[in-house]
Amino acid sequence: MRDNRLNALEAGNPEVIVTANIGCQTHLDGAGRTPVRHWIELVEEALA
């Protein structure tokens, strides 16, 4: 199921996948494919 989800999310060749769910982040990032980040990390970087 994880691979199917990642295949769909990676169809547009994103540099990063962003989520609001830490469980989803951990699960998808565990595949070691496209980096998965929590949206608040991107906000933090933008404000730094």
C-alpha atoms as a PDB file:
ATOM      1  CA  MET A   1       0.000   0.000   0.000  1.00  0.00           C
ATOM      2  CA  ARG A   2       2.877   2.399   0.793  1.00  0.00           C
ATOM      3  CA  ASP A   3       4.428   1.840  -2.633  1.00  0.00           C
ATOM      4  CA  ASN A   4       1.107   2.518  -4.370  1.00  0.00           C
ATOM      5  CA  ARG A   5       0.729   5.781  -2.446  1.00  0.00           C
ATOM      6  CA  LEU A   6       4.307   6.829  -3.201  1.00  0.00           C
ATOM      7  CA  ASN A   7       3.941   5.946  -6.876  1.00  0.00           C
ATOM      8  CA  ALA A   8       0.925   8.258  -7.083  1.00  0.00           C
ATOM      9  CA  LEU A   9       2.616  11.055  -5.132  1.00  0.00           C
ATOM     10  CA  GLU A  10       5.843  10.787  -7.135  1.00  0.00           C
ATOM     11  CA  ALA A  11       4.101  10.810 -10.528  1.00  0.00           C
ATOM     12  CA  GLY A  12       4.892  14.510 -10.931  1.00  0.00           C
ATOM     13  CA  ASN A  13       8.532  14.065  -9.845  1.00  0.00           C
ATOM     14  CA  PRO A  14       8.371  16.228  -6.709  1.00  0.00           C
ATOM     15  CA  GLU A  15      11.550  17.213  -4.853  1.00  0.00           C
ATOM     16  CA  VAL A  16       9.793  16.659  -1.535  1.00  0.00           C
ATOM     17  CA  ILE A  17       6.455  15.353  -0.277  1.00  0.00           C
ATOM     18  CA  VAL A  18       4.796  17.454   2.441  1.00  0.00           C
ATOM     19  CA  THR A  19       2.307  16.178   5.006  1.00  0.00           C
ATOM     20  CA  ALA A  20       0.586  17.358   8.168  1.00  0.00           C
ATOM     21  CA  ASN A  21       0.487  13.855   9.663  1.00  0.00           C
ATOM     22  CA  ILE A  22       3.599  12.646  11.520  1.00  0.00           C
ATOM     23  CA  GLY A  23       2.509   9.018  11.174  1.00  0.00           C
ATOM     24  CA  CYS A  24       2.174   9.437   7.425  1.00  0.00           C
ATOM     25  CA  GLN A  25       5.548  11.174   7.293  1.00  0.00           C
ATOM     26  CA  THR A  26       7.267   8.358   9.164  1.00  0.00           C
ATOM     27  CA  HIS A  27       5.587   5.664   7.097  1.00  0.00           C
ATOM     28  CA  LEU A  28       6.298   7.208   3.684  1.00  0.00           C
ATOM     29  CA  ASP A  29       9.813   8.404   4.534  1.00  0.00           C
ATOM     30  CA  GLY A  30      10.675   4.886   5.700  1.00  0.00           C
ATOM     31  CA  ALA A  31      10.688   3.769   2.075  1.00  0.00           C
ATOM     32  CA  GLY A  32      13.817   5.858   1.478  1.00  0.00           C
ATOM     33  CA  ARG A  33      12.534   7.374  -1.744  1.00  0.00           C
ATOM     34  CA  THR A  34      11.436  11.013  -2.085  1.00  0.00           C
ATOM     35  CA  PRO A  35      12.044  12.955   1.153  1.00  0.00           C
ATOM     36  CA  VAL A  36       8.885  13.469   3.237  1.00  0.00           C
ATOM     37  CA  ARG A  37       8.655  16.522   5.493  1.00  0.00           C
ATOM     38  CA  HIS A  38       6.108  17.978   7.869  1.00  0.00           C
ATOM     39  CA  TRP A  39       4.652  21.265   6.630  1.00  0.00           C
ATOM     40  CA  ILE A  40       5.725  23.138   9.756  1.00  0.00           C
ATOM     41  CA  GLU A  41       9.378  22.366   8.909  1.00  0.00           C
ATOM     42  CA  LEU A  42       8.949  24.286   5.651  1.00  0.00           C
ATOM     43  CA  VAL A  43       7.361  27.213   7.484  1.00  0.00           C
ATOM     44  CA  GLU A  44      10.240  27.233   9.974  1.00  0.00           C
ATOM     45  CA  GLU A  45      12.797  27.320   7.150  1.00  0.00           C
ATOM     46  CA  ALA A  46      10.938  30.147   5.404  1.00  0.00           C
ATOM     47  CA  LEU A  47      10.927  32.225   8.595  1.00  0.00           C
ATOM     48  CA  ALA A  48      14.605  31.616   9.385  1.00  0.00           C
END
